[in-house]
Amino acid sequence: SGIERVSKILMPVLFLILLALVARS
């Protein structure tokens, strides 16, 4: 309910932000 649930939310967000930064850079 804590680690697994939060990871499933944060990891996709991390990848989306990272891909946006790669595209800009």
mmCIF file of all heavy atoms, coordinates in Angstrom:
data_MODEL
# 
_entry.id   MODEL 
# 
loop_
_atom_site.group_PDB 
_atom_site.id 
_atom_site.type_symbol 
_atom_site.label_atom_id 
_atom_site.label_alt_id 
_atom_site.label_comp_id 
_atom_site.label_asym_id 
_atom_site.label_entity_id 
_atom_site.label_seq_id 
_atom_site.pdbx_PDB_ins_code 
_atom_site.Cartn_x 
_atom_site.Cartn_y 
_atom_site.Cartn_z 
_atom_site.occupancy 
_atom_site.B_iso_or_equiv 
_atom_site.pdbx_formal_charge 
_atom_site.auth_seq_id 
_atom_site.auth_comp_id 
_atom_site.auth_asym_id 
_atom_site.auth_atom_id 
_atom_site.pdbx_PDB_model_num 
ATOM 1   N N   . SER A 1 1  ? 0.805  -1.223 0.000   1.00 0.00 ? 1  SER A N   1 
ATOM 2   C CA  . SER A 1 1  ? 0.000  0.000  0.000   1.00 0.00 ? 1  SER A CA  1 
ATOM 3   C C   . SER A 1 1  ? 0.839  1.275  0.000   1.00 0.00 ? 1  SER A C   1 
ATOM 4   O O   . SER A 1 1  ? 0.352  2.343  -0.368  1.00 0.00 ? 1  SER A O   1 
ATOM 5   C CB  . SER A 1 1  ? -0.926 0.015  1.222   1.00 0.00 ? 1  SER A CB  1 
ATOM 6   O OG  . SER A 1 1  ? -1.797 -1.087 1.207   1.00 0.00 ? 1  SER A OG  1 
ATOM 7   N N   . GLY A 1 2  ? 2.099  1.169  0.403   1.00 0.00 ? 2  GLY A N   1 
ATOM 8   C CA  . GLY A 1 2  ? 2.960  2.343  0.450   1.00 0.00 ? 2  GLY A CA  1 
ATOM 9   C C   . GLY A 1 2  ? 4.003  2.324  -0.650  1.00 0.00 ? 2  GLY A C   1 
ATOM 10  O O   . GLY A 1 2  ? 3.906  3.048  -1.642  1.00 0.00 ? 2  GLY A O   1 
ATOM 11  N N   . ILE A 1 3  ? 5.020  1.471  -0.500  1.00 0.00 ? 3  ILE A N   1 
ATOM 12  C CA  . ILE A 1 3  ? 6.162  1.470  -1.422  1.00 0.00 ? 3  ILE A CA  1 
ATOM 13  C C   . ILE A 1 3  ? 5.731  1.119  -2.844  1.00 0.00 ? 3  ILE A C   1 
ATOM 14  O O   . ILE A 1 3  ? 6.083  1.810  -3.805  1.00 0.00 ? 3  ILE A O   1 
ATOM 15  C CB  . ILE A 1 3  ? 7.238  0.486  -0.928  1.00 0.00 ? 3  ILE A CB  1 
ATOM 16  C CG1 . ILE A 1 3  ? 7.736  0.898  0.468   1.00 0.00 ? 3  ILE A CG1 1 
ATOM 17  C CG2 . ILE A 1 3  ? 8.394  0.421  -1.909  1.00 0.00 ? 3  ILE A CG2 1 
ATOM 18  C CD1 . ILE A 1 3  ? 8.641  -0.118 1.127   1.00 0.00 ? 3  ILE A CD1 1 
ATOM 19  N N   . GLU A 1 4  ? 4.953  0.025  -2.987  1.00 0.00 ? 4  GLU A N   1 
ATOM 20  C CA  . GLU A 1 4  ? 4.556  -0.412 -4.327  1.00 0.00 ? 4  GLU A CA  1 
ATOM 21  C C   . GLU A 1 4  ? 3.646  0.616  -4.996  1.00 0.00 ? 4  GLU A C   1 
ATOM 22  O O   . GLU A 1 4  ? 3.844  0.977  -6.161  1.00 0.00 ? 4  GLU A O   1 
ATOM 23  C CB  . GLU A 1 4  ? 3.853  -1.759 -4.246  1.00 0.00 ? 4  GLU A CB  1 
ATOM 24  C CG  . GLU A 1 4  ? 3.425  -2.305 -5.600  1.00 0.00 ? 4  GLU A CG  1 
ATOM 25  C CD  . GLU A 1 4  ? 2.845  -3.721 -5.506  1.00 0.00 ? 4  GLU A CD  1 
ATOM 26  O OE1 . GLU A 1 4  ? 2.964  -4.344 -4.433  1.00 0.00 ? 4  GLU A OE1 1 
ATOM 27  O OE2 . GLU A 1 4  ? 2.275  -4.179 -6.513  1.00 0.00 ? 4  GLU A OE2 1 
ATOM 28  N N   . ARG A 1 5  ? 2.663  1.121  -4.271  1.00 0.00 ? 5  ARG A N   1 
ATOM 29  C CA  . ARG A 1 5  ? 1.706  2.064  -4.860  1.00 0.00 ? 5  ARG A CA  1 
ATOM 30  C C   . ARG A 1 5  ? 2.391  3.361  -5.272  1.00 0.00 ? 5  ARG A C   1 
ATOM 31  O O   . ARG A 1 5  ? 2.166  3.878  -6.368  1.00 0.00 ? 5  ARG A O   1 
ATOM 32  C CB  . ARG A 1 5  ? 0.588  2.347  -3.857  1.00 0.00 ? 5  ARG A CB  1 
ATOM 33  C CG  . ARG A 1 5  ? -0.473 3.315  -4.371  1.00 0.00 ? 5  ARG A CG  1 
ATOM 34  C CD  . ARG A 1 5  ? -1.602 3.464  -3.385  1.00 0.00 ? 5  ARG A CD  1 
ATOM 35  N NE  . ARG A 1 5  ? -2.322 2.209  -3.194  1.00 0.00 ? 5  ARG A NE  1 
ATOM 36  C CZ  . ARG A 1 5  ? -3.297 2.043  -2.298  1.00 0.00 ? 5  ARG A CZ  1 
ATOM 37  N NH1 . ARG A 1 5  ? -3.636 3.043  -1.499  1.00 0.00 ? 5  ARG A NH1 1 
ATOM 38  N NH2 . ARG A 1 5  ? -3.910 0.884  -2.200  1.00 0.00 ? 5  ARG A NH2 1 
ATOM 39  N N   . VAL A 1 6  ? 3.238  3.891  -4.400  1.00 0.00 ? 6  VAL A N   1 
ATOM 40  C CA  . VAL A 1 6  ? 3.921  5.151  -4.711  1.00 0.00 ? 6  VAL A CA  1 
ATOM 41  C C   . VAL A 1 6  ? 4.892  4.971  -5.875  1.00 0.00 ? 6  VAL A C   1 
ATOM 42  O O   . VAL A 1 6  ? 5.005  5.832  -6.754  1.00 0.00 ? 6  VAL A O   1 
ATOM 43  C CB  . VAL A 1 6  ? 4.659  5.680  -3.456  1.00 0.00 ? 6  VAL A CB  1 
ATOM 44  C CG1 . VAL A 1 6  ? 5.592  6.834  -3.807  1.00 0.00 ? 6  VAL A CG1 1 
ATOM 45  C CG2 . VAL A 1 6  ? 3.657  6.127  -2.402  1.00 0.00 ? 6  VAL A CG2 1 
ATOM 46  N N   . SER A 1 7  ? 5.598  3.829  -5.917  1.00 0.00 ? 7  SER A N   1 
ATOM 47  C CA  . SER A 1 7  ? 6.542  3.577  -7.008  1.00 0.00 ? 7  SER A CA  1 
ATOM 48  C C   . SER A 1 7  ? 5.831  3.504  -8.347  1.00 0.00 ? 7  SER A C   1 
ATOM 49  O O   . SER A 1 7  ? 6.345  3.985  -9.368  1.00 0.00 ? 7  SER A O   1 
ATOM 50  C CB  . SER A 1 7  ? 7.314  2.277  -6.749  1.00 0.00 ? 7  SER A CB  1 
ATOM 51  O OG  . SER A 1 7  ? 8.096  2.368  -5.580  1.00 0.00 ? 7  SER A OG  1 
ATOM 52  N N   . LYS A 1 8  ? 4.637  2.893  -8.372  1.00 0.00 ? 8  LYS A N   1 
ATOM 53  C CA  . LYS A 1 8  ? 3.887  2.779  -9.617  1.00 0.00 ? 8  LYS A CA  1 
ATOM 54  C C   . LYS A 1 8  ? 3.445  4.148  -10.137 1.00 0.00 ? 8  LYS A C   1 
ATOM 55  O O   . LYS A 1 8  ? 3.216  4.321  -11.347 1.00 0.00 ? 8  LYS A O   1 
ATOM 56  C CB  . LYS A 1 8  ? 2.657  1.889  -9.417  1.00 0.00 ? 8  LYS A CB  1 
ATOM 57  C CG  . LYS A 1 8  ? 2.971  0.404  -9.358  1.00 0.00 ? 8  LYS A CG  1 
ATOM 58  C CD  . LYS A 1 8  ? 1.700  -0.411 -9.180  1.00 0.00 ? 8  LYS A CD  1 
ATOM 59  C CE  . LYS A 1 8  ? 1.974  -1.912 -9.234  1.00 0.00 ? 8  LYS A CE  1 
ATOM 60  N NZ  . LYS A 1 8  ? 0.746  -2.711 -9.032  1.00 0.00 ? 8  LYS A NZ  1 
ATOM 61  N N   . ILE A 1 9  ? 3.320  5.122  -9.241  1.00 0.00 ? 9  ILE A N   1 
ATOM 62  C CA  . ILE A 1 9  ? 2.964  6.480  -9.657  1.00 0.00 ? 9  ILE A CA  1 
ATOM 63  C C   . ILE A 1 9  ? 4.203  7.278  -10.041 1.00 0.00 ? 9  ILE A C   1 
ATOM 64  O O   . ILE A 1 9  ? 4.258  7.912  -11.096 1.00 0.00 ? 9  ILE A O   1 
ATOM 65  C CB  . ILE A 1 9  ? 2.210  7.206  -8.518  1.00 0.00 ? 9  ILE A CB  1 
ATOM 66  C CG1 . ILE A 1 9  ? 0.880  6.506  -8.230  1.00 0.00 ? 9  ILE A CG1 1 
ATOM 67  C CG2 . ILE A 1 9  ? 1.981  8.675  -8.880  1.00 0.00 ? 9  ILE A CG2 1 
ATOM 68  C CD1 . ILE A 1 9  ? 0.185  7.006  -6.978  1.00 0.00 ? 9  ILE A CD1 1 
ATOM 69  N N   . LEU A 1 10 ? 5.215  7.232  -9.185  1.00 0.00 ? 10 LEU A N   1 
ATOM 70  C CA  . LEU A 1 10 ? 6.368  8.107  -9.369  1.00 0.00 ? 10 LEU A CA  1 
ATOM 71  C C   . LEU A 1 10 ? 7.274  7.680  -10.522 1.00 0.00 ? 10 LEU A C   1 
ATOM 72  O O   . LEU A 1 10 ? 7.836  8.535  -11.223 1.00 0.00 ? 10 LEU A O   1 
ATOM 73  C CB  . LEU A 1 10 ? 7.190  8.173  -8.076  1.00 0.00 ? 10 LEU A CB  1 
ATOM 74  C CG  . LEU A 1 10 ? 6.525  8.867  -6.886  1.00 0.00 ? 10 LEU A CG  1 
ATOM 75  C CD1 . LEU A 1 10 ? 7.487  8.942  -5.713  1.00 0.00 ? 10 LEU A CD1 1 
ATOM 76  C CD2 . LEU A 1 10 ? 6.045  10.265 -7.257  1.00 0.00 ? 10 LEU A CD2 1 
ATOM 77  N N   . MET A 1 11 ? 7.454  6.386  -10.735 1.00 0.00 ? 11 MET A N   1 
ATOM 78  C CA  . MET A 1 11 ? 8.380  5.950  -11.788 1.00 0.00 ? 11 MET A CA  1 
ATOM 79  C C   . MET A 1 11 ? 7.914  6.357  -13.188 1.00 0.00 ? 11 MET A C   1 
ATOM 80  O O   . MET A 1 11 ? 8.718  6.848  -13.990 1.00 0.00 ? 11 MET A O   1 
ATOM 81  C CB  . MET A 1 11 ? 8.618  4.449  -11.695 1.00 0.00 ? 11 MET A CB  1 
ATOM 82  C CG  . MET A 1 11 ? 9.487  4.036  -10.506 1.00 0.00 ? 11 MET A CG  1 
ATOM 83  S SD  . MET A 1 11 ? 11.120 4.804  -10.528 1.00 0.00 ? 11 MET A SD  1 
ATOM 84  C CE  . MET A 1 11 ? 11.867 3.941  -11.917 1.00 0.00 ? 11 MET A CE  1 
ATOM 85  N N   . PRO A 1 12 ? 6.636  6.186  -13.543 1.00 0.00 ? 12 PRO A N   1 
ATOM 86  C CA  . PRO A 1 12 ? 6.203  6.703  -14.855 1.00 0.00 ? 12 PRO A CA  1 
ATOM 87  C C   . PRO A 1 12 ? 6.364  8.216  -14.972 1.00 0.00 ? 12 PRO A C   1 
ATOM 88  O O   . PRO A 1 12 ? 6.737  8.718  -16.041 1.00 0.00 ? 12 PRO A O   1 
ATOM 89  C CB  . PRO A 1 12 ? 4.722  6.292  -14.925 1.00 0.00 ? 12 PRO A CB  1 
ATOM 90  C CG  . PRO A 1 12 ? 4.618  5.112  -14.032 1.00 0.00 ? 12 PRO A CG  1 
ATOM 91  C CD  . PRO A 1 12 ? 5.561  5.394  -12.901 1.00 0.00 ? 12 PRO A CD  1 
ATOM 92  N N   . VAL A 1 13 ? 6.077  8.946  -13.894 1.00 0.00 ? 13 VAL A N   1 
ATOM 93  C CA  . VAL A 1 13 ? 6.268  10.403 -13.913 1.00 0.00 ? 13 VAL A CA  1 
ATOM 94  C C   . VAL A 1 13 ? 7.734  10.737 -14.154 1.00 0.00 ? 13 VAL A C   1 
ATOM 95  O O   . VAL A 1 13 ? 8.077  11.632 -14.937 1.00 0.00 ? 13 VAL A O   1 
ATOM 96  C CB  . VAL A 1 13 ? 5.781  11.029 -12.590 1.00 0.00 ? 13 VAL A CB  1 
ATOM 97  C CG1 . VAL A 1 13 ? 6.133  12.516 -12.533 1.00 0.00 ? 13 VAL A CG1 1 
ATOM 98  C CG2 . VAL A 1 13 ? 4.277  10.849 -12.429 1.00 0.00 ? 13 VAL A CG2 1 
ATOM 99  N N   . LEU A 1 14 ? 8.624  9.999  -13.480 1.00 0.00 ? 14 LEU A N   1 
ATOM 100 C CA  . LEU A 1 14 ? 10.062 10.206 -13.656 1.00 0.00 ? 14 LEU A CA  1 
ATOM 101 C C   . LEU A 1 14 ? 10.456 10.033 -15.123 1.00 0.00 ? 14 LEU A C   1 
ATOM 102 O O   . LEU A 1 14 ? 11.185 10.865 -15.683 1.00 0.00 ? 14 LEU A O   1 
ATOM 103 C CB  . LEU A 1 14 ? 10.824 9.221  -12.776 1.00 0.00 ? 14 LEU A CB  1 
ATOM 104 C CG  . LEU A 1 14 ? 12.363 9.281  -12.783 1.00 0.00 ? 14 LEU A CG  1 
ATOM 105 C CD1 . LEU A 1 14 ? 12.916 8.897  -11.412 1.00 0.00 ? 14 LEU A CD1 1 
ATOM 106 C CD2 . LEU A 1 14 ? 12.958 8.329  -13.827 1.00 0.00 ? 14 LEU A CD2 1 
ATOM 107 N N   . PHE A 1 15 ? 9.983  8.973  -15.752 1.00 0.00 ? 15 PHE A N   1 
ATOM 108 C CA  . PHE A 1 15 ? 10.337 8.727  -17.153 1.00 0.00 ? 15 PHE A CA  1 
ATOM 109 C C   . PHE A 1 15 ? 9.776  9.809  -18.073 1.00 0.00 ? 15 PHE A C   1 
ATOM 110 O O   . PHE A 1 15 ? 10.452 10.251 -19.019 1.00 0.00 ? 15 PHE A O   1 
ATOM 111 C CB  . PHE A 1 15 ? 9.839  7.348  -17.598 1.00 0.00 ? 15 PHE A CB  1 
ATOM 112 C CG  . PHE A 1 15 ? 10.815 6.245  -17.355 1.00 0.00 ? 15 PHE A CG  1 
ATOM 113 C CD1 . PHE A 1 15 ? 10.711 5.431  -16.249 1.00 0.00 ? 15 PHE A CD1 1 
ATOM 114 C CD2 . PHE A 1 15 ? 11.871 6.035  -18.240 1.00 0.00 ? 15 PHE A CD2 1 
ATOM 115 C CE1 . PHE A 1 15 ? 11.626 4.409  -16.015 1.00 0.00 ? 15 PHE A CE1 1 
ATOM 116 C CE2 . PHE A 1 15 ? 12.794 5.013  -18.024 1.00 0.00 ? 15 PHE A CE2 1 
ATOM 117 C CZ  . PHE A 1 15 ? 12.665 4.210  -16.911 1.00 0.00 ? 15 PHE A CZ  1 
ATOM 118 N N   . LEU A 1 16 ? 8.557  10.263 -17.823 1.00 0.00 ? 16 LEU A N   1 
ATOM 119 C CA  . LEU A 1 16 ? 7.962  11.302 -18.669 1.00 0.00 ? 16 LEU A CA  1 
ATOM 120 C C   . LEU A 1 16 ? 8.751  12.601 -18.584 1.00 0.00 ? 16 LEU A C   1 
ATOM 121 O O   . LEU A 1 16 ? 9.035  13.247 -19.609 1.00 0.00 ? 16 LEU A O   1 
ATOM 122 C CB  . LEU A 1 16 ? 6.497  11.540 -18.257 1.00 0.00 ? 16 LEU A CB  1 
ATOM 123 C CG  . LEU A 1 16 ? 5.503  10.436 -18.628 1.00 0.00 ? 16 LEU A CG  1 
ATOM 124 C CD1 . LEU A 1 16 ? 4.133  10.731 -18.029 1.00 0.00 ? 16 LEU A CD1 1 
ATOM 125 C CD2 . LEU A 1 16 ? 5.397  10.303 -20.151 1.00 0.00 ? 16 LEU A CD2 1 
ATOM 126 N N   . ILE A 1 17 ? 9.125  13.008 -17.362 1.00 0.00 ? 17 ILE A N   1 
ATOM 127 C CA  . ILE A 1 17 ? 9.911  14.227 -17.204 1.00 0.00 ? 17 ILE A CA  1 
ATOM 128 C C   . ILE A 1 17 ? 11.271 14.072 -17.865 1.00 0.00 ? 17 ILE A C   1 
ATOM 129 O O   . ILE A 1 17 ? 11.751 14.978 -18.560 1.00 0.00 ? 17 ILE A O   1 
ATOM 130 C CB  . ILE A 1 17 ? 10.076 14.566 -15.708 1.00 0.00 ? 17 ILE A CB  1 
ATOM 131 C CG1 . ILE A 1 17 ? 8.724  14.902 -15.065 1.00 0.00 ? 17 ILE A CG1 1 
ATOM 132 C CG2 . ILE A 1 17 ? 11.039 15.751 -15.522 1.00 0.00 ? 17 ILE A CG2 1 
ATOM 133 C CD1 . ILE A 1 17 ? 8.799  15.102 -13.555 1.00 0.00 ? 17 ILE A CD1 1 
ATOM 134 N N   . LEU A 1 18 ? 11.879 12.923 -17.679 1.00 0.00 ? 18 LEU A N   1 
ATOM 135 C CA  . LEU A 1 18 ? 13.209 12.690 -18.235 1.00 0.00 ? 18 LEU A CA  1 
ATOM 136 C C   . LEU A 1 18 ? 13.178 12.725 -19.767 1.00 0.00 ? 18 LEU A C   1 
ATOM 137 O O   . LEU A 1 18 ? 14.054 13.330 -20.407 1.00 0.00 ? 18 LEU A O   1 
ATOM 138 C CB  . LEU A 1 18 ? 13.742 11.346 -17.742 1.00 0.00 ? 18 LEU A CB  1 
ATOM 139 C CG  . LEU A 1 18 ? 15.226 11.027 -17.985 1.00 0.00 ? 18 LEU A CG  1 
ATOM 140 C CD1 . LEU A 1 18 ? 16.114 12.163 -17.522 1.00 0.00 ? 18 LEU A CD1 1 
ATOM 141 C CD2 . LEU A 1 18 ? 15.595 9.736  -17.263 1.00 0.00 ? 18 LEU A CD2 1 
ATOM 142 N N   . LEU A 1 19 ? 12.167 12.116 -20.359 1.00 0.00 ? 19 LEU A N   1 
ATOM 143 C CA  . LEU A 1 19 ? 12.051 12.131 -21.820 1.00 0.00 ? 19 LEU A CA  1 
ATOM 144 C C   . LEU A 1 19 ? 11.831 13.546 -22.345 1.00 0.00 ? 19 LEU A C   1 
ATOM 145 O O   . LEU A 1 19 ? 12.374 13.921 -23.398 1.00 0.00 ? 19 LEU A O   1 
ATOM 146 C CB  . LEU A 1 19 ? 10.908 11.210 -22.263 1.00 0.00 ? 19 LEU A CB  1 
ATOM 147 C CG  . LEU A 1 19 ? 11.163 9.705  -22.112 1.00 0.00 ? 19 LEU A CG  1 
ATOM 148 C CD1 . LEU A 1 19 ? 9.885  8.918  -22.367 1.00 0.00 ? 19 LEU A CD1 1 
ATOM 149 C CD2 . LEU A 1 19 ? 12.265 9.244  -23.073 1.00 0.00 ? 19 LEU A CD2 1 
ATOM 150 N N   . ALA A 1 20 ? 11.048 14.341 -21.621 1.00 0.00 ? 20 ALA A N   1 
ATOM 151 C CA  . ALA A 1 20 ? 10.838 15.735 -22.028 1.00 0.00 ? 20 ALA A CA  1 
ATOM 152 C C   . ALA A 1 20 ? 12.148 16.524 -21.966 1.00 0.00 ? 20 ALA A C   1 
ATOM 153 O O   . ALA A 1 20 ? 12.446 17.331 -22.853 1.00 0.00 ? 20 ALA A O   1 
ATOM 154 C CB  . ALA A 1 20 ? 9.789  16.384 -21.132 1.00 0.00 ? 20 ALA A CB  1 
ATOM 155 N N   . LEU A 1 21 ? 12.945 16.284 -20.936 1.00 0.00 ? 21 LEU A N   1 
ATOM 156 C CA  . LEU A 1 21 ? 14.232 16.964 -20.806 1.00 0.00 ? 21 LEU A CA  1 
ATOM 157 C C   . LEU A 1 21 ? 15.205 16.530 -21.907 1.00 0.00 ? 21 LEU A C   1 
ATOM 158 O O   . LEU A 1 21 ? 15.962 17.345 -22.436 1.00 0.00 ? 21 LEU A O   1 
ATOM 159 C CB  . LEU A 1 21 ? 14.834 16.682 -19.431 1.00 0.00 ? 21 LEU A CB  1 
ATOM 160 C CG  . LEU A 1 21 ? 14.143 17.363 -18.246 1.00 0.00 ? 21 LEU A CG  1 
ATOM 161 C CD1 . LEU A 1 21 ? 14.652 16.778 -16.930 1.00 0.00 ? 21 LEU A CD1 1 
ATOM 162 C CD2 . LEU A 1 21 ? 14.396 18.868 -18.274 1.00 0.00 ? 21 LEU A CD2 1 
ATOM 163 N N   . VAL A 1 22 ? 15.175 15.241 -22.247 1.00 0.00 ? 22 VAL A N   1 
ATOM 164 C CA  . VAL A 1 22 ? 16.028 14.751 -23.337 1.00 0.00 ? 22 VAL A CA  1 
ATOM 165 C C   . VAL A 1 22 ? 15.650 15.437 -24.645 1.00 0.00 ? 22 VAL A C   1 
ATOM 166 O O   . VAL A 1 22 ? 16.525 15.911 -25.399 1.00 0.00 ? 22 VAL A O   1 
ATOM 167 C CB  . VAL A 1 22 ? 15.917 13.220 -23.479 1.00 0.00 ? 22 VAL A CB  1 
ATOM 168 C CG1 . VAL A 1 22 ? 16.591 12.747 -24.773 1.00 0.00 ? 22 VAL A CG1 1 
ATOM 169 C CG2 . VAL A 1 22 ? 16.537 12.515 -22.281 1.00 0.00 ? 22 VAL A CG2 1 
ATOM 170 N N   . ALA A 1 23 ? 14.353 15.495 -24.927 1.00 0.00 ? 23 ALA A N   1 
ATOM 171 C CA  . ALA A 1 23 ? 13.894 16.128 -26.166 1.00 0.00 ? 23 ALA A CA  1 
ATOM 172 C C   . ALA A 1 23 ? 14.327 17.583 -26.232 1.00 0.00 ? 23 ALA A C   1 
ATOM 173 O O   . ALA A 1 23 ? 14.778 18.066 -27.271 1.00 0.00 ? 23 ALA A O   1 
ATOM 174 C CB  . ALA A 1 23 ? 12.372 16.015 -26.269 1.00 0.00 ? 23 ALA A CB  1 
ATOM 175 N N   . ARG A 1 24 ? 14.218 18.297 -25.110 1.00 0.00 ? 24 ARG A N   1 
ATOM 176 C CA  . ARG A 1 24 ? 14.612 19.722 -25.104 1.00 0.00 ? 24 ARG A CA  1 
ATOM 177 C C   . ARG A 1 24 ? 16.118 19.875 -25.267 1.00 0.00 ? 24 ARG A C   1 
ATOM 178 O O   . ARG A 1 24 ? 16.596 20.721 -26.028 1.00 0.00 ? 24 ARG A O   1 
ATOM 179 C CB  . ARG A 1 24 ? 14.164 20.386 -23.789 1.00 0.00 ? 24 ARG A CB  1 
ATOM 180 C CG  . ARG A 1 24 ? 14.453 21.898 -23.766 1.00 0.00 ? 24 ARG A CG  1 
ATOM 181 C CD  . ARG A 1 24 ? 13.572 22.591 -24.786 1.00 0.00 ? 24 ARG A CD  1 
ATOM 182 N NE  . ARG A 1 24 ? 13.960 23.978 -25.016 1.00 0.00 ? 24 ARG A NE  1 
ATOM 183 C CZ  . ARG A 1 24 ? 14.720 24.392 -26.021 1.00 0.00 ? 24 ARG A CZ  1 
ATOM 184 N NH1 . ARG A 1 24 ? 15.218 23.506 -26.878 1.00 0.00 ? 24 ARG A NH1 1 
ATOM 185 N NH2 . ARG A 1 24 ? 14.996 25.659 -26.203 1.00 0.00 ? 24 ARG A NH2 1 
ATOM 186 N N   . SER A 1 25 ? 16.868 19.066 -24.552 1.00 0.00 ? 25 SER A N   1 
ATOM 187 C CA  . SER A 1 25 ? 18.326 19.178 -24.579 1.00 0.00 ? 25 SER A CA  1 
ATOM 188 C C   . SER A 1 25 ? 18.875 18.894 -25.972 1.00 0.00 ? 25 SER A C   1 
ATOM 189 O O   . SER A 1 25 ? 19.754 19.608 -26.477 1.00 0.00 ? 25 SER A O   1 
ATOM 190 C CB  . SER A 1 25 ? 18.943 18.214 -23.571 1.00 0.00 ? 25 SER A CB  1 
ATOM 191 O OG  . SER A 1 25 ? 20.346 18.249 -23.606 1.00 0.00 ? 25 SER A OG  1 
# 
